[in-house]
Amino acid sequence: MTGNGDELDARLGARIRVEREARGWSLTDLSDRAGVSRAMINKIERAESSPTASLLGRLSGAFGLTLSALLARAEDDGRRRLLRAEEQRSWRDPATGYVRRLVAPPPGSDMPLELVHIDLPAGARVPFPASAYAFTRHIIHVLTNELTFTEGDIEHRLAAGDSLELGPPADCVFENRGDRPCTYLVLILQP
């Protein structure tokens, strides 16, 4: 999934509706579980609004999915083992410019892990709710520059080469307080 735009917004909206309806949830049910207004969910499902990373994190957490899994389900590719760089799905947060690229596994895989490459622009701040971490384990590895990662009340300043395994689920914030983009990997392990 590359870029943003009307087609991507339509696929994401349709996928969110499918996930909601497959669970027998009303808009109110999803709103209550995700902490997102009914009106916003309705706009996203109708592709009238481009969802932010934080909002997608809330929705995917409510569904019991990782953000990568939700994005992958929005596209319906077949299974492949080799995923060339230009084929890796990326998504840009319209609010911050944050770019998330699924490095592995290929779309449609049932592997219990995901490797995600993130480019976080200078000055960007991306919050995620605890529900996005409730059913997975995460390890962050910083590739370039510095990442300030806050989990609950604990702030971690990570430099290039540093790794952090997340603790118990808590509201989290990924923040680049520097003046250059920060690049990091997130390894997500499914139970």
Protein backbone atom coordinates (compact mmCIF):
# COMPACT_ATOMS: atom_id res chain seq x y z
CA MET A 1 0.00 0.00 0.00
CA THR A 2 1.83 3.08 -1.15
CA GLY A 3 0.92 6.69 -0.63
CA ASN A 4 -2.33 8.25 0.38
CA GLY A 5 -5.23 9.45 -1.67
CA ASP A 6 -8.78 8.70 -2.61
CA GLU A 7 -8.16 5.07 -3.62
CA LEU A 8 -6.23 4.26 -0.44
CA ASP A 9 -8.77 6.05 1.75
CA ALA A 10 -11.55 4.06 0.06
CA ARG A 11 -9.74 0.73 0.65
CA LEU A 12 -9.02 1.60 4.29
CA GLY A 13 -12.60 2.70 4.87
CA ALA A 14 -13.97 -0.44 3.30
CA ARG A 15 -11.62 -2.63 5.35
CA ILE A 16 -12.59 -0.90 8.60
CA ARG A 17 -16.26 -1.42 7.79
CA VAL A 18 -15.61 -5.13 6.96
CA GLU A 19 -13.71 -5.62 10.24
CA ARG A 20 -16.47 -3.87 12.22
CA GLU A 21 -19.32 -5.75 10.55
CA ALA A 22 -17.51 -9.11 10.79
CA ARG A 23 -17.59 -8.65 14.57
CA GLY A 24 -21.25 -7.65 14.52
CA TRP A 25 -20.37 -4.19 15.87
CA SER A 26 -22.31 -1.02 15.26
CA LEU A 27 -20.54 2.30 14.76
CA THR A 28 -21.27 2.98 18.44
CA ASP A 29 -19.67 -0.33 19.48
CA LEU A 30 -16.47 0.47 17.58
CA SER A 31 -16.52 4.06 18.83
CA ASP A 32 -16.72 2.87 22.44
CA ARG A 33 -13.97 0.27 22.00
CA ALA A 34 -11.58 2.56 20.10
CA GLY A 35 -12.27 5.89 21.76
CA VAL A 36 -12.97 7.45 18.35
CA SER A 37 -16.16 9.37 17.61
CA ARG A 38 -18.91 7.68 15.59
CA ALA A 39 -18.86 10.61 13.18
CA MET A 40 -15.13 10.18 12.48
CA ILE A 41 -15.44 6.43 11.96
CA ASN A 42 -18.36 7.05 9.61
CA LYS A 43 -16.31 9.60 7.62
CA ILE A 44 -13.39 7.16 7.38
CA GLU A 45 -15.62 4.29 6.28
CA ARG A 46 -17.07 6.53 3.55
CA ALA A 47 -13.54 7.71 2.56
CA GLU A 48 -14.44 11.30 3.40
CA SER A 49 -11.50 11.67 5.79
CA SER A 50 -7.90 10.40 5.77
CA PRO A 51 -7.20 8.67 9.10
CA THR A 52 -4.09 9.57 11.09
CA ALA A 53 -1.63 6.99 12.47
CA SER A 54 -2.95 7.54 15.97
CA LEU A 55 -6.55 7.01 14.89
CA LEU A 56 -5.67 3.87 12.91
CA GLY A 57 -3.79 2.63 15.99
CA ARG A 58 -6.96 3.04 18.06
CA LEU A 59 -9.09 1.25 15.48
CA SER A 60 -6.64 -1.60 14.89
CA GLY A 61 -6.27 -2.05 18.66
CA ALA A 62 -10.05 -2.26 19.05
CA PHE A 63 -10.09 -4.99 16.38
CA GLY A 64 -7.23 -6.88 18.07
CA LEU A 65 -5.01 -6.29 15.03
CA THR A 66 -1.69 -4.57 14.56
CA LEU A 67 -1.68 -1.44 12.44
CA SER A 68 0.32 -3.33 9.81
CA ALA A 69 -2.25 -6.13 9.73
CA LEU A 70 -5.09 -3.65 9.27
CA LEU A 71 -3.22 -1.90 6.44
CA ALA A 72 -2.32 -5.25 4.84
CA ARG A 73 -5.95 -6.35 4.93
CA ALA A 74 -6.89 -3.17 3.09
CA GLU A 75 -5.05 -4.65 0.11
CA ASP A 76 -5.67 -8.17 -1.04
CA ASP A 77 -2.38 -9.44 -2.47
CA GLY A 78 -1.47 -13.10 -2.75
CA ARG A 79 1.27 -14.69 -0.68
CA ARG A 80 4.86 -14.03 -1.67
CA ARG A 81 8.20 -14.75 0.00
CA LEU A 82 10.29 -12.07 -1.73
CA LEU A 83 9.19 -8.50 -1.23
CA ARG A 84 11.26 -5.98 -3.18
CA ALA A 85 11.75 -2.54 -1.62
CA GLU A 86 9.50 -0.90 -4.20
CA GLU A 87 6.75 -3.46 -3.44
CA GLN A 88 6.76 -2.95 0.32
CA ARG A 89 3.59 -1.30 1.48
CA SER A 90 4.00 2.15 2.90
CA TRP A 91 1.57 4.54 4.44
CA ARG A 92 1.97 8.23 5.23
CA ASP A 93 0.20 9.83 8.18
CA PRO A 94 -1.55 12.90 6.76
CA ALA A 95 -1.19 14.76 10.09
CA THR A 96 2.54 14.30 10.77
CA GLY A 97 4.21 13.01 7.59
CA TYR A 98 5.20 9.84 9.49
CA VAL A 99 5.88 7.05 6.97
CA ARG A 100 5.33 3.43 7.96
CA ARG A 101 6.64 0.70 5.64
CA LEU A 102 5.93 -2.99 6.19
CA VAL A 103 9.26 -4.71 5.49
CA ALA A 104 8.17 -8.26 6.38
CA PRO A 105 6.31 -10.51 6.12
CA PRO A 106 4.82 -10.26 2.66
CA PRO A 107 1.09 -9.46 2.51
CA GLY A 108 -1.13 -12.42 3.27
CA SER A 109 1.46 -14.21 5.37
CA ASP A 110 0.43 -15.87 8.60
CA MET A 111 3.84 -15.35 10.24
CA PRO A 112 3.57 -14.35 13.92
CA LEU A 113 5.84 -11.34 13.44
CA GLU A 114 6.02 -8.07 11.56
CA LEU A 115 9.03 -5.89 10.81
CA VAL A 116 8.09 -2.26 10.23
CA HIS A 117 10.38 0.55 9.03
CA ILE A 118 9.42 4.04 10.24
CA ASP A 119 10.54 7.47 9.05
CA LEU A 120 9.53 10.06 11.64
CA PRO A 121 9.97 13.67 10.47
CA ALA A 122 11.71 16.26 12.64
CA GLY A 123 9.31 17.64 15.22
CA ALA A 124 6.70 14.90 14.67
CA ARG A 125 4.80 13.38 17.58
CA VAL A 126 2.64 10.26 17.11
CA PRO A 127 0.59 8.93 20.06
CA PHE A 128 -0.85 5.40 20.23
CA PRO A 129 -3.28 4.03 22.80
CA ALA A 130 -2.47 1.12 25.12
CA SER A 131 -4.98 -1.00 23.18
CA ALA A 132 -2.59 -1.00 20.19
CA TYR A 133 -0.09 -2.94 22.35
CA ALA A 134 -2.42 -5.14 24.42
CA PHE A 135 -2.05 -8.31 22.35
CA THR A 136 1.49 -8.09 20.96
CA ARG A 137 5.11 -7.60 22.01
CA HIS A 138 7.12 -4.76 20.45
CA ILE A 139 10.83 -4.08 20.12
CA ILE A 140 12.00 -0.70 18.82
CA HIS A 141 15.44 -0.37 17.20
CA VAL A 142 16.64 3.12 16.21
CA LEU A 143 18.61 3.32 12.95
CA THR A 144 19.30 7.05 12.62
CA ASN A 145 19.20 10.09 14.88
CA GLU A 146 17.19 10.12 18.11
CA LEU A 147 13.73 8.93 19.14
CA THR A 148 11.97 9.93 22.34
CA PHE A 149 9.57 7.14 23.22
CA THR A 150 7.16 7.55 26.11
CA GLU A 151 5.27 4.55 27.47
CA GLY A 152 2.86 5.57 30.18
CA ASP A 153 4.87 7.80 32.54
CA ILE A 154 8.30 6.52 31.46
CA GLU A 155 10.31 8.46 28.88
CA HIS A 156 13.07 6.70 26.93
CA ARG A 157 15.57 8.62 24.80
CA LEU A 158 16.91 6.27 22.17
CA ALA A 159 19.90 7.01 19.95
CA ALA A 160 21.01 5.25 16.76
CA GLY A 161 21.76 1.61 17.59
CA ASP A 162 19.61 1.54 20.75
CA SER A 163 16.85 -1.05 21.18
CA LEU A 164 13.93 -1.14 23.60
CA GLU A 165 11.44 -3.91 24.36
CA LEU A 166 8.14 -2.37 25.40
CA GLY A 167 6.78 -3.15 28.84
CA PRO A 168 3.15 -3.80 29.78
CA PRO A 169 0.58 -2.10 27.53
CA ALA A 170 0.40 1.65 28.14
CA ASP A 171 -0.47 4.73 26.13
CA CYS A 172 2.66 5.51 24.10
CA VAL A 173 4.11 8.41 22.14
CA PHE A 174 6.79 8.27 19.43
CA GLU A 175 8.43 11.69 19.19
CA ASN A 176 11.26 13.19 17.16
CA ARG A 177 12.45 16.25 19.07
CA GLY A 178 15.41 16.71 16.75
CA ASP A 179 15.86 18.77 13.62
CA ARG A 180 16.51 15.76 11.32
CA PRO A 181 14.27 12.79 10.46
CA CYS A 182 14.53 9.75 12.72
CA THR A 183 14.42 6.25 11.24
CA TYR A 184 13.67 3.19 13.33
CA LEU A 185 12.44 -0.39 13.07
CA VAL A 186 9.65 -1.95 15.08
CA LEU A 187 9.54 -5.73 15.49
CA ILE A 188 6.03 -6.84 16.42
CA LEU A 189 5.55 -10.34 17.78
CA GLN A 190 2.11 -11.95 17.87
CA PRO A 191 1.34 -14.35 20.74
